[in-house]
């Protein structure tokens, strides 16, 4: 399993269904996220079990991501036609409804291989999530096995932490939440923070 944190996010061009329902044959990652942060998340397959809960969770928090200037992009090995059919299937019938973000068709498996999230036996993508900064660098990644649904709120927390670090220059201690104090990245900063907050950890 590759660690992409600190490296440029692999670019790709593929067919996709956009958040407005438009089907495009050539969605390019870097063109669409230029100058913005992005969250790319991989999931195994359309019309499955854990997956719709995750895609709906991302959709329900989509406005929170947009408020932070973050693009959300989903990727699986299904075709854009399958993505479109899933979007057009009501939630109460196992669909995801008209989610507001792009779904990418990785039918050749090139993208999941580039991000090193292809399951070695099942041939589908693991539940990988990647936070990319404005320069196209991966700053956070987490990969879950197929039965384990991800925590979308944790990705929002990571976005907040990265924004805080970029704005204030401080680092974010364990369990940091928006509105909490950061820490100066120095021996003095650690000592001060722990003296004031160690009981909260």
N, C-alpha and C. Protein backbone atom coordinates (compact mmCIF):
# COMPACT_ATOMS: atom_id res chain seq x y z
N UNK A 1 0.85 -1.20 0.00
CA UNK A 1 0.00 0.00 0.00
C UNK A 1 0.88 1.25 0.00
N UNK A 2 0.73 2.08 -0.99
CA UNK A 2 1.51 3.30 -1.07
C UNK A 2 0.96 4.36 -0.14
N UNK A 3 1.85 5.16 0.40
CA UNK A 3 1.46 6.35 1.15
C UNK A 3 1.66 7.54 0.22
N UNK A 4 0.58 8.22 -0.12
CA UNK A 4 0.66 9.35 -1.05
C UNK A 4 0.78 10.68 -0.33
N UNK A 5 0.64 10.69 0.99
CA UNK A 5 0.73 11.94 1.74
C UNK A 5 2.09 12.60 1.49
N UNK A 6 2.04 13.88 1.15
CA UNK A 6 3.26 14.63 0.85
C UNK A 6 3.67 14.54 -0.61
N UNK A 7 2.89 13.83 -1.41
CA UNK A 7 3.20 13.67 -2.83
C UNK A 7 2.08 14.27 -3.68
N UNK A 8 2.38 14.59 -4.95
CA UNK A 8 1.31 15.09 -5.81
C UNK A 8 0.24 14.04 -6.02
N UNK A 9 -1.01 14.46 -5.99
CA UNK A 9 -2.11 13.55 -6.27
C UNK A 9 -2.05 13.10 -7.72
N UNK A 10 -2.16 11.81 -7.99
CA UNK A 10 -2.16 11.36 -9.39
C UNK A 10 -3.32 11.99 -10.18
N UNK A 11 -2.99 12.58 -11.30
CA UNK A 11 -4.01 13.19 -12.16
C UNK A 11 -4.69 12.08 -12.97
N UNK A 12 -5.87 12.38 -13.47
CA UNK A 12 -6.56 11.42 -14.32
C UNK A 12 -7.57 12.16 -15.19
N UNK A 13 -7.93 11.52 -16.28
CA UNK A 13 -9.02 11.96 -17.15
C UNK A 13 -9.90 10.75 -17.42
N UNK A 14 -11.20 10.90 -17.16
CA UNK A 14 -12.11 9.76 -17.31
C UNK A 14 -13.52 10.27 -17.51
N UNK A 15 -14.41 9.39 -17.95
CA UNK A 15 -15.83 9.72 -18.05
C UNK A 15 -16.40 9.90 -16.65
N UNK A 16 -17.43 10.73 -16.56
CA UNK A 16 -18.00 11.04 -15.25
C UNK A 16 -19.44 11.51 -15.39
N UNK A 17 -20.15 11.42 -14.29
CA UNK A 17 -21.44 12.09 -14.15
C UNK A 17 -21.23 13.24 -13.17
N UNK A 18 -21.50 14.45 -13.61
CA UNK A 18 -21.29 15.62 -12.77
C UNK A 18 -22.43 15.78 -11.77
N UNK A 19 -22.22 16.67 -10.82
CA UNK A 19 -23.21 16.89 -9.80
C UNK A 19 -24.54 17.42 -10.32
N UNK A 20 -24.51 18.05 -11.49
CA UNK A 20 -25.76 18.54 -12.09
C UNK A 20 -26.45 17.50 -12.98
N UNK A 21 -25.88 16.29 -13.00
CA UNK A 21 -26.45 15.20 -13.80
C UNK A 21 -25.90 15.09 -15.20
N UNK A 22 -25.06 16.04 -15.61
CA UNK A 22 -24.47 15.99 -16.95
C UNK A 22 -23.45 14.86 -17.04
N UNK A 23 -23.48 14.13 -18.14
CA UNK A 23 -22.50 13.08 -18.39
C UNK A 23 -21.42 13.63 -19.31
N UNK A 24 -20.16 13.49 -18.90
CA UNK A 24 -19.04 13.97 -19.70
C UNK A 24 -18.09 12.82 -19.95
N UNK A 25 -17.42 12.87 -21.09
CA UNK A 25 -16.51 11.79 -21.46
C UNK A 25 -15.09 12.02 -20.95
N UNK A 26 -14.75 13.28 -20.65
CA UNK A 26 -13.37 13.60 -20.31
C UNK A 26 -13.32 14.56 -19.12
N UNK A 27 -13.50 14.02 -17.92
CA UNK A 27 -13.37 14.80 -16.70
C UNK A 27 -11.91 14.73 -16.27
N UNK A 28 -11.23 15.89 -16.22
CA UNK A 28 -9.83 15.91 -15.78
C UNK A 28 -9.75 16.44 -14.36
N UNK A 29 -9.09 15.68 -13.50
CA UNK A 29 -9.02 16.05 -12.08
C UNK A 29 -8.41 17.43 -11.88
N UNK A 30 -7.20 17.62 -12.38
CA UNK A 30 -6.47 18.85 -12.07
C UNK A 30 -7.14 20.09 -12.65
N UNK A 31 -7.79 19.95 -13.79
CA UNK A 31 -8.53 21.08 -14.35
C UNK A 31 -9.69 21.48 -13.44
N UNK A 32 -10.32 20.49 -12.84
CA UNK A 32 -11.52 20.75 -12.04
C UNK A 32 -11.24 21.17 -10.61
N UNK A 33 -10.03 20.89 -10.11
CA UNK A 33 -9.73 21.28 -8.73
C UNK A 33 -8.65 22.36 -8.66
N UNK A 34 -8.25 22.91 -9.78
CA UNK A 34 -7.16 23.87 -9.80
C UNK A 34 -7.40 25.00 -8.82
N UNK A 35 -6.44 25.21 -7.91
CA UNK A 35 -6.53 26.29 -6.94
C UNK A 35 -7.49 26.04 -5.80
N UNK A 36 -8.01 24.80 -5.69
CA UNK A 36 -8.96 24.46 -4.62
C UNK A 36 -8.49 23.20 -3.91
N UNK A 37 -8.98 23.02 -2.71
CA UNK A 37 -8.81 21.74 -2.04
C UNK A 37 -9.83 20.76 -2.62
N UNK A 38 -9.55 19.48 -2.44
CA UNK A 38 -10.47 18.45 -2.93
C UNK A 38 -10.40 17.22 -2.05
N UNK A 39 -11.52 16.53 -1.96
CA UNK A 39 -11.57 15.21 -1.35
C UNK A 39 -11.96 14.22 -2.44
N UNK A 40 -11.08 13.25 -2.68
CA UNK A 40 -11.39 12.15 -3.60
C UNK A 40 -11.64 10.92 -2.74
N UNK A 41 -12.79 10.30 -2.96
CA UNK A 41 -13.04 9.07 -2.21
C UNK A 41 -13.39 7.94 -3.18
N UNK A 42 -12.84 6.78 -2.89
CA UNK A 42 -13.07 5.57 -3.69
C UNK A 42 -14.04 4.66 -2.95
N UNK A 43 -14.88 3.97 -3.70
CA UNK A 43 -15.79 3.00 -3.11
C UNK A 43 -15.88 1.81 -4.06
N UNK A 44 -16.27 0.63 -3.57
CA UNK A 44 -16.19 -0.58 -4.40
C UNK A 44 -17.09 -0.58 -5.63
N UNK A 45 -18.41 -0.45 -5.43
CA UNK A 45 -19.32 -0.63 -6.55
C UNK A 45 -20.64 0.12 -6.32
N UNK A 46 -21.26 0.54 -7.41
CA UNK A 46 -22.63 1.04 -7.35
C UNK A 46 -23.58 -0.11 -6.97
N UNK A 47 -24.75 0.26 -6.50
CA UNK A 47 -25.81 -0.71 -6.20
C UNK A 47 -25.37 -1.80 -5.22
N UNK A 48 -24.56 -1.40 -4.25
CA UNK A 48 -24.14 -2.38 -3.23
C UNK A 48 -24.70 -1.95 -1.88
N UNK A 49 -24.00 -2.23 -0.79
CA UNK A 49 -24.62 -2.20 0.53
C UNK A 49 -24.09 -1.05 1.40
N UNK A 50 -22.83 -1.10 1.78
CA UNK A 50 -22.25 -0.01 2.57
C UNK A 50 -22.15 1.27 1.74
N UNK A 51 -21.85 1.12 0.47
CA UNK A 51 -21.55 2.26 -0.39
C UNK A 51 -22.63 3.35 -0.41
N UNK A 52 -23.91 3.02 -0.58
CA UNK A 52 -24.88 4.11 -0.63
C UNK A 52 -24.92 4.94 0.64
N UNK A 53 -24.69 4.30 1.79
CA UNK A 53 -24.68 5.08 3.04
C UNK A 53 -23.56 6.10 3.03
N UNK A 54 -22.41 5.74 2.46
CA UNK A 54 -21.29 6.67 2.40
C UNK A 54 -21.55 7.80 1.41
N UNK A 55 -22.05 7.45 0.23
CA UNK A 55 -22.29 8.48 -0.77
C UNK A 55 -23.37 9.47 -0.32
N UNK A 56 -24.38 8.96 0.35
CA UNK A 56 -25.41 9.86 0.87
C UNK A 56 -24.84 10.72 2.00
N UNK A 57 -23.97 10.15 2.84
CA UNK A 57 -23.34 10.93 3.91
C UNK A 57 -22.50 12.07 3.32
N UNK A 58 -21.75 11.80 2.25
CA UNK A 58 -20.99 12.87 1.59
C UNK A 58 -21.95 13.92 1.03
N UNK A 59 -23.05 13.47 0.44
CA UNK A 59 -24.00 14.42 -0.14
C UNK A 59 -24.63 15.30 0.93
N UNK A 60 -24.97 14.71 2.06
CA UNK A 60 -25.60 15.49 3.13
C UNK A 60 -24.65 16.54 3.70
N UNK A 61 -23.36 16.31 3.59
CA UNK A 61 -22.36 17.26 4.09
C UNK A 61 -21.71 18.06 2.97
N UNK A 62 -22.24 17.92 1.77
CA UNK A 62 -21.64 18.58 0.60
C UNK A 62 -21.54 20.08 0.80
N UNK A 63 -22.59 20.71 1.32
CA UNK A 63 -22.56 22.16 1.52
C UNK A 63 -21.49 22.57 2.52
N UNK A 64 -21.21 21.71 3.50
CA UNK A 64 -20.14 22.00 4.46
C UNK A 64 -18.77 21.96 3.78
N UNK A 65 -18.59 20.99 2.88
CA UNK A 65 -17.34 20.95 2.12
C UNK A 65 -17.22 22.18 1.22
N UNK A 66 -18.30 22.53 0.51
CA UNK A 66 -18.25 23.68 -0.39
C UNK A 66 -17.99 24.97 0.37
N UNK A 67 -18.56 25.11 1.57
CA UNK A 67 -18.34 26.28 2.40
C UNK A 67 -16.86 26.45 2.74
N UNK A 68 -16.15 25.34 2.77
CA UNK A 68 -14.72 25.35 3.05
C UNK A 68 -13.89 25.39 1.76
N UNK A 69 -14.56 25.51 0.61
CA UNK A 69 -13.85 25.59 -0.67
C UNK A 69 -13.32 24.27 -1.17
N UNK A 70 -13.98 23.17 -0.82
CA UNK A 70 -13.48 21.83 -1.13
C UNK A 70 -14.39 21.16 -2.16
N UNK A 71 -13.78 20.65 -3.22
CA UNK A 71 -14.50 19.83 -4.19
C UNK A 71 -14.57 18.40 -3.66
N UNK A 72 -15.69 17.73 -3.91
CA UNK A 72 -15.87 16.33 -3.52
C UNK A 72 -16.02 15.51 -4.80
N UNK A 73 -15.28 14.40 -4.88
CA UNK A 73 -15.27 13.57 -6.09
C UNK A 73 -15.29 12.11 -5.67
N UNK A 74 -16.27 11.36 -6.17
CA UNK A 74 -16.35 9.93 -5.91
C UNK A 74 -15.85 9.12 -7.09
N UNK A 75 -15.23 7.98 -6.81
CA UNK A 75 -14.66 7.14 -7.87
C UNK A 75 -14.96 5.67 -7.58
N UNK A 76 -15.45 4.96 -8.60
CA UNK A 76 -15.52 3.50 -8.52
C UNK A 76 -15.25 2.94 -9.92
N UNK A 77 -15.18 1.62 -10.01
CA UNK A 77 -14.86 0.99 -11.30
C UNK A 77 -16.08 0.83 -12.19
N UNK A 78 -17.25 1.31 -11.74
CA UNK A 78 -18.45 1.24 -12.56
C UNK A 78 -18.38 2.23 -13.73
N UNK A 79 -19.21 2.02 -14.72
CA UNK A 79 -19.30 2.96 -15.84
C UNK A 79 -20.08 4.21 -15.43
N UNK A 80 -19.94 5.25 -16.23
CA UNK A 80 -20.72 6.47 -15.99
C UNK A 80 -22.21 6.20 -16.20
N UNK A 81 -22.55 5.21 -17.00
CA UNK A 81 -23.96 4.85 -17.19
C UNK A 81 -24.54 4.22 -15.91
N UNK A 82 -23.73 3.39 -15.27
CA UNK A 82 -24.15 2.80 -14.00
C UNK A 82 -24.28 3.90 -12.92
N UNK A 83 -23.30 4.80 -12.87
CA UNK A 83 -23.38 5.94 -11.94
C UNK A 83 -24.68 6.71 -12.15
N UNK A 84 -24.99 6.97 -13.40
CA UNK A 84 -26.19 7.75 -13.73
C UNK A 84 -27.46 7.01 -13.29
N UNK A 85 -27.49 5.71 -13.54
CA UNK A 85 -28.66 4.92 -13.13
C UNK A 85 -28.81 4.91 -11.61
N UNK A 86 -27.69 4.83 -10.89
CA UNK A 86 -27.74 4.82 -9.42
C UNK A 86 -28.24 6.17 -8.89
N UNK A 87 -27.77 7.25 -9.53
CA UNK A 87 -28.23 8.59 -9.13
C UNK A 87 -29.73 8.75 -9.38
N UNK A 88 -30.23 8.07 -10.39
CA UNK A 88 -31.65 8.18 -10.74
C UNK A 88 -32.54 7.15 -10.03
N UNK A 89 -31.93 6.39 -9.13
CA UNK A 89 -32.69 5.43 -8.33
C UNK A 89 -32.98 6.06 -6.96
N UNK A 90 -34.24 6.10 -6.53
CA UNK A 90 -34.57 6.71 -5.24
C UNK A 90 -33.84 6.03 -4.08
N UNK A 91 -33.58 6.83 -3.05
CA UNK A 91 -32.88 6.32 -1.88
C UNK A 91 -33.63 5.15 -1.25
N UNK A 92 -34.95 5.25 -1.20
CA UNK A 92 -35.72 4.17 -0.55
C UNK A 92 -35.79 2.90 -1.40
N UNK A 93 -35.15 2.93 -2.57
CA UNK A 93 -35.04 1.73 -3.40
C UNK A 93 -33.59 1.30 -3.58
N UNK A 94 -32.72 1.78 -2.69
CA UNK A 94 -31.31 1.39 -2.74
C UNK A 94 -30.43 2.29 -3.57
N UNK A 95 -31.00 3.38 -4.10
CA UNK A 95 -30.21 4.33 -4.87
C UNK A 95 -29.59 5.39 -3.98
N UNK A 96 -28.94 6.36 -4.62
CA UNK A 96 -28.31 7.44 -3.87
C UNK A 96 -28.95 8.78 -4.15
N UNK A 97 -29.89 8.82 -5.11
CA UNK A 97 -30.48 10.10 -5.46
C UNK A 97 -29.48 10.97 -6.20
N UNK A 98 -29.89 12.20 -6.47
CA UNK A 98 -29.08 13.12 -7.29
C UNK A 98 -28.01 13.78 -6.43
N UNK A 99 -26.96 13.03 -6.10
CA UNK A 99 -25.87 13.59 -5.30
C UNK A 99 -25.26 14.77 -6.03
N UNK A 100 -24.73 15.72 -5.27
CA UNK A 100 -24.32 17.02 -5.82
C UNK A 100 -22.85 17.07 -6.25
N UNK A 101 -22.17 15.94 -6.26
CA UNK A 101 -20.76 15.94 -6.62
C UNK A 101 -20.54 14.95 -7.79
N UNK A 102 -19.37 15.04 -8.39
CA UNK A 102 -19.05 14.21 -9.57
C UNK A 102 -18.75 12.76 -9.16
N UNK A 103 -19.19 11.83 -10.00
CA UNK A 103 -18.85 10.42 -9.86
C UNK A 103 -18.04 10.00 -11.09
N UNK A 104 -16.86 9.49 -10.85
CA UNK A 104 -15.91 9.16 -11.92
C UNK A 104 -15.99 7.68 -12.25
N UNK A 105 -15.93 7.37 -13.55
CA UNK A 105 -15.98 5.98 -14.03
C UNK A 105 -14.55 5.47 -14.26
N UNK A 106 -14.08 4.63 -13.37
CA UNK A 106 -12.73 4.07 -13.46
C UNK A 106 -12.79 2.65 -14.02
N UNK A 107 -13.39 2.51 -15.19
CA UNK A 107 -13.68 1.17 -15.71
C UNK A 107 -12.42 0.38 -16.07
N UNK A 108 -11.32 1.06 -16.33
CA UNK A 108 -10.06 0.36 -16.62
C UNK A 108 -9.21 0.15 -15.37
N UNK A 109 -9.70 0.61 -14.23
CA UNK A 109 -9.02 0.47 -12.94
C UNK A 109 -7.73 1.29 -12.85
N UNK A 110 -7.50 2.17 -13.80
CA UNK A 110 -6.25 2.95 -13.79
C UNK A 110 -6.17 3.88 -12.59
N UNK A 111 -7.29 4.45 -12.19
CA UNK A 111 -7.27 5.45 -11.12
C UNK A 111 -7.07 4.77 -9.77
N UNK A 112 -7.82 3.71 -9.52
CA UNK A 112 -7.64 3.04 -8.22
C UNK A 112 -6.23 2.43 -8.10
N UNK A 113 -5.64 2.04 -9.22
CA UNK A 113 -4.26 1.55 -9.18
C UNK A 113 -3.29 2.69 -8.91
N UNK A 114 -3.53 3.85 -9.53
CA UNK A 114 -2.64 5.00 -9.32
C UNK A 114 -2.66 5.45 -7.85
N UNK A 115 -3.82 5.33 -7.22
CA UNK A 115 -3.93 5.69 -5.80
C UNK A 115 -3.68 4.50 -4.89
N UNK A 116 -3.39 3.35 -5.48
CA UNK A 116 -3.04 2.12 -4.78
C UNK A 116 -4.12 1.69 -3.78
N UNK A 117 -5.38 1.71 -4.24
CA UNK A 117 -6.48 1.28 -3.38
C UNK A 117 -7.26 0.11 -3.99
N UNK A 118 -6.71 -0.54 -5.00
CA UNK A 118 -7.41 -1.69 -5.58
C UNK A 118 -7.26 -2.90 -4.67
N UNK A 119 -8.39 -3.52 -4.32
CA UNK A 119 -8.36 -4.71 -3.48
C UNK A 119 -7.62 -5.83 -4.21
N UNK A 120 -6.69 -6.51 -3.54
CA UNK A 120 -5.85 -7.48 -4.25
C UNK A 120 -6.59 -8.69 -4.78
N UNK A 121 -7.71 -9.09 -4.15
CA UNK A 121 -8.47 -10.24 -4.63
C UNK A 121 -9.77 -9.83 -5.32
N UNK A 122 -10.49 -8.89 -4.72
CA UNK A 122 -11.84 -8.56 -5.21
C UNK A 122 -11.81 -7.75 -6.51
N UNK A 123 -10.70 -7.06 -6.77
CA UNK A 123 -10.61 -6.29 -8.01
C UNK A 123 -11.43 -5.02 -8.03
N UNK A 124 -11.90 -4.58 -6.86
CA UNK A 124 -12.63 -3.31 -6.73
C UNK A 124 -11.81 -2.40 -5.84
N UNK A 125 -12.22 -1.13 -5.75
CA UNK A 125 -11.50 -0.19 -4.90
C UNK A 125 -11.86 -0.39 -3.44
N UNK A 126 -10.86 -0.33 -2.59
CA UNK A 126 -11.09 -0.22 -1.16
C UNK A 126 -11.68 1.16 -0.86
N UNK A 127 -12.10 1.37 0.37
CA UNK A 127 -12.73 2.65 0.75
C UNK A 127 -11.63 3.66 1.10
N UNK A 128 -10.95 4.14 0.07
CA UNK A 128 -9.88 5.10 0.25
C UNK A 128 -10.38 6.53 0.15
N UNK A 129 -9.87 7.41 1.02
CA UNK A 129 -10.22 8.83 1.00
C UNK A 129 -8.94 9.65 1.02
N UNK A 130 -8.89 10.69 0.19
CA UNK A 130 -7.68 11.50 0.04
C UNK A 130 -8.06 12.98 0.09
N UNK A 131 -7.35 13.73 0.93
CA UNK A 131 -7.52 15.18 1.00
C UNK A 131 -6.35 15.82 0.25
N UNK A 132 -6.69 16.64 -0.73
CA UNK A 132 -5.69 17.26 -1.60
C UNK A 132 -5.73 18.77 -1.39
N UNK A 133 -4.56 19.40 -1.29
CA UNK A 133 -4.53 20.85 -1.05
C UNK A 133 -4.54 21.62 -2.37
N UNK A 134 -4.48 22.94 -2.26
CA UNK A 134 -4.59 23.81 -3.44
C UNK A 134 -3.44 23.63 -4.43
N UNK A 135 -2.33 23.08 -3.96
CA UNK A 135 -1.19 22.84 -4.85
C UNK A 135 -1.22 21.44 -5.47
N UNK A 136 -2.28 20.69 -5.20
CA UNK A 136 -2.40 19.35 -5.76
C UNK A 136 -1.65 18.29 -4.98
N UNK A 137 -1.26 18.61 -3.72
CA UNK A 137 -0.54 17.65 -2.89
C UNK A 137 -1.50 16.92 -1.97
N UNK A 138 -1.27 15.62 -1.79
CA UNK A 138 -2.07 14.84 -0.84
C UNK A 138 -1.61 15.17 0.57
N UNK A 139 -2.55 15.56 1.44
CA UNK A 139 -2.20 15.95 2.82
C UNK A 139 -2.76 14.97 3.85
N UNK A 140 -3.71 14.14 3.44
CA UNK A 140 -4.31 13.17 4.37
C UNK A 140 -4.87 12.03 3.54
N UNK A 141 -4.71 10.80 4.04
CA UNK A 141 -5.34 9.67 3.39
C UNK A 141 -5.73 8.65 4.45
N UNK A 142 -6.81 7.94 4.17
CA UNK A 142 -7.23 6.83 5.03
C UNK A 142 -7.87 5.79 4.13
N UNK A 143 -7.62 4.52 4.41
CA UNK A 143 -8.14 3.44 3.58
C UNK A 143 -8.79 2.40 4.48
N UNK A 144 -10.08 2.15 4.23
CA UNK A 144 -10.83 1.14 4.99
C UNK A 144 -11.01 -0.10 4.13
N UNK A 145 -11.10 -1.25 4.79
CA UNK A 145 -11.46 -2.49 4.11
C UNK A 145 -12.94 -2.43 3.70
N UNK A 146 -13.34 -3.34 2.84
CA UNK A 146 -14.65 -3.28 2.23
C UNK A 146 -15.83 -3.25 3.22
N UNK A 147 -15.80 -3.98 4.34
CA UNK A 147 -16.97 -3.98 5.22
C UNK A 147 -17.08 -2.74 6.12
N UNK A 148 -16.08 -1.88 6.11
CA UNK A 148 -15.98 -0.82 7.12
C UNK A 148 -16.27 0.55 6.51
N UNK A 149 -17.47 1.08 6.77
CA UNK A 149 -17.83 2.39 6.26
C UNK A 149 -17.02 3.50 6.90
N UNK A 150 -16.73 4.52 6.12
CA UNK A 150 -15.88 5.61 6.62
C UNK A 150 -16.70 6.65 7.37
N UNK A 151 -15.99 7.51 8.09
CA UNK A 151 -16.58 8.61 8.85
C UNK A 151 -16.38 9.90 8.07
N UNK A 152 -17.44 10.40 7.45
CA UNK A 152 -17.32 11.61 6.63
C UNK A 152 -17.05 12.84 7.50
N UNK A 153 -17.56 12.85 8.72
CA UNK A 153 -17.29 13.97 9.63
C UNK A 153 -15.80 14.08 9.95
N UNK A 154 -15.12 12.94 9.98
CA UNK A 154 -13.68 12.97 10.23
C UNK A 154 -12.94 13.66 9.07
N UNK A 155 -13.41 13.45 7.85
CA UNK A 155 -12.79 14.15 6.73
C UNK A 155 -13.02 15.66 6.83
N UNK A 156 -14.21 16.07 7.24
CA UNK A 156 -14.45 17.51 7.48
C UNK A 156 -13.51 18.04 8.55
N UNK A 157 -13.28 17.25 9.60
CA UNK A 157 -12.35 17.67 10.66
C UNK A 157 -10.94 17.84 10.10
N UNK A 158 -10.54 16.96 9.20
CA UNK A 158 -9.22 17.07 8.60
C UNK A 158 -9.11 18.32 7.73
N UNK A 159 -10.18 18.64 7.00
CA UNK A 159 -10.19 19.88 6.21
C UNK A 159 -10.03 21.08 7.14
N UNK A 160 -10.78 21.09 8.24
CA UNK A 160 -10.68 22.19 9.20
C UNK A 160 -9.28 22.28 9.78
N UNK A 161 -8.68 21.14 10.09
CA UNK A 161 -7.34 21.13 10.66
C UNK A 161 -6.32 21.68 9.66
N UNK A 162 -6.43 21.28 8.41
CA UNK A 162 -5.50 21.79 7.39
C UNK A 162 -5.70 23.29 7.20
N UNK A 163 -6.95 23.73 7.15
CA UNK A 163 -7.21 25.17 7.01
C UNK A 163 -6.64 25.94 8.20
N UNK A 164 -6.81 25.42 9.40
CA UNK A 164 -6.29 26.07 10.61
C UNK A 164 -4.77 26.16 10.54
N UNK A 165 -4.13 25.07 10.18
CA UNK A 165 -2.67 25.07 10.08
C UNK A 165 -2.18 26.08 9.04
N UNK A 166 -2.84 26.11 7.90
CA UNK A 166 -2.43 27.04 6.85
C UNK A 166 -2.64 28.49 7.28
N UNK A 167 -3.71 28.75 8.02
CA UNK A 167 -4.02 30.12 8.41
C UNK A 167 -3.16 30.61 9.57
N UNK A 168 -2.92 29.74 10.55
CA UNK A 168 -2.27 30.17 11.79
C UNK A 168 -0.83 29.69 11.93
N UNK A 169 -0.44 28.69 11.14
CA UNK A 169 0.92 28.16 11.25
C UNK A 169 1.12 27.22 12.41
N UNK A 170 0.09 27.02 13.23
CA UNK A 170 0.19 26.11 14.36
C UNK A 170 -0.18 24.70 13.92
N UNK A 171 0.19 23.71 14.74
CA UNK A 171 -0.17 22.32 14.46
C UNK A 171 -1.38 21.94 15.30
N UNK A 172 -2.03 20.86 14.90
CA UNK A 172 -3.29 20.45 15.53
C UNK A 172 -3.08 19.19 16.35
N UNK A 173 -3.25 19.27 17.66
CA UNK A 173 -3.03 18.10 18.52
C UNK A 173 -4.14 17.06 18.34
N UNK A 174 -3.98 15.95 19.05
CA UNK A 174 -4.95 14.85 18.96
C UNK A 174 -6.36 15.33 19.28
N UNK A 175 -7.30 14.91 18.43
CA UNK A 175 -8.69 15.22 18.67
C UNK A 175 -9.07 16.67 18.44
N UNK A 176 -8.17 17.44 17.81
CA UNK A 176 -8.45 18.87 17.60
C UNK A 176 -9.76 19.04 16.84
N UNK A 177 -10.55 20.03 17.26
CA UNK A 177 -11.80 20.40 16.60
C UNK A 177 -11.78 21.89 16.30
N UNK A 178 -12.51 22.29 15.28
CA UNK A 178 -12.62 23.71 14.93
C UNK A 178 -13.06 24.50 16.16
N UNK A 179 -12.37 25.61 16.40
CA UNK A 179 -12.65 26.44 17.57
C UNK A 179 -11.75 26.16 18.75
N UNK A 180 -10.99 25.06 18.70
CA UNK A 180 -10.06 24.71 19.78
C UNK A 180 -8.70 25.34 19.52
N UNK A 181 -7.87 25.34 20.54
CA UNK A 181 -6.52 25.89 20.42
C UNK A 181 -5.62 24.94 19.65
N UNK A 182 -4.69 25.54 18.90
CA UNK A 182 -3.64 24.76 18.28
C UNK A 182 -2.41 24.74 19.17
N UNK A 183 -1.31 24.32 18.60
CA UNK A 183 -0.06 24.18 19.35
C UNK A 183 1.09 24.71 18.52
N UNK A 184 1.98 25.47 19.15
CA UNK A 184 3.20 25.88 18.48
C UNK A 184 4.10 24.65 18.32
N UNK A 185 4.68 24.48 17.15
CA UNK A 185 5.52 23.32 16.88
C UNK A 185 6.92 23.55 17.43
N UNK A 186 7.01 23.57 18.75
CA UNK A 186 8.29 23.78 19.44
C UNK A 186 8.20 23.10 20.80
N UNK A 187 9.34 22.80 21.43
CA UNK A 187 9.29 22.22 22.78
C UNK A 187 8.49 23.08 23.75
N UNK A 188 8.64 24.40 23.64
CA UNK A 188 7.91 25.30 24.52
C UNK A 188 6.41 25.23 24.23
N UNK A 189 6.06 25.15 22.94
CA UNK A 189 4.66 25.06 22.56
C UNK A 189 4.00 23.79 23.06
N UNK A 190 4.72 22.67 22.95
CA UNK A 190 4.19 21.40 23.45
C UNK A 190 3.98 21.47 24.95
N UNK A 191 5.00 21.98 25.68
CA UNK A 191 4.90 22.05 27.14
C UNK A 191 3.72 22.93 27.56
N UNK A 192 3.56 24.07 26.90
CA UNK A 192 2.46 24.98 27.24
C UNK A 192 1.12 24.31 26.98
N UNK A 193 0.99 23.68 25.82
CA UNK A 193 -0.29 23.05 25.48
C UNK A 193 -0.63 21.92 26.46
N UNK A 194 0.35 21.06 26.75
CA UNK A 194 0.08 19.94 27.63
C UNK A 194 -0.22 20.40 29.05
N UNK A 195 0.45 21.46 29.49
CA UNK A 195 0.18 21.97 30.83
C UNK A 195 -1.26 22.45 30.96
N UNK A 196 -1.80 22.96 29.88
CA UNK A 196 -3.15 23.53 29.91
C UNK A 196 -4.24 22.54 29.51
N UNK A 197 -3.88 21.53 28.70
CA UNK A 197 -4.92 20.70 28.07
C UNK A 197 -4.74 19.20 28.18
N UNK A 198 -3.74 18.71 28.90
CA UNK A 198 -3.48 17.26 28.90
C UNK A 198 -4.67 16.46 29.44
N UNK A 199 -5.46 17.05 30.34
CA UNK A 199 -6.60 16.33 30.90
C UNK A 199 -7.72 16.14 29.87
N UNK A 200 -7.68 16.93 28.80
CA UNK A 200 -8.73 16.85 27.78
C UNK A 200 -8.43 15.79 26.72
N UNK A 201 -7.21 15.29 26.70
CA UNK A 201 -6.81 14.36 25.64
C UNK A 201 -7.37 12.95 25.90
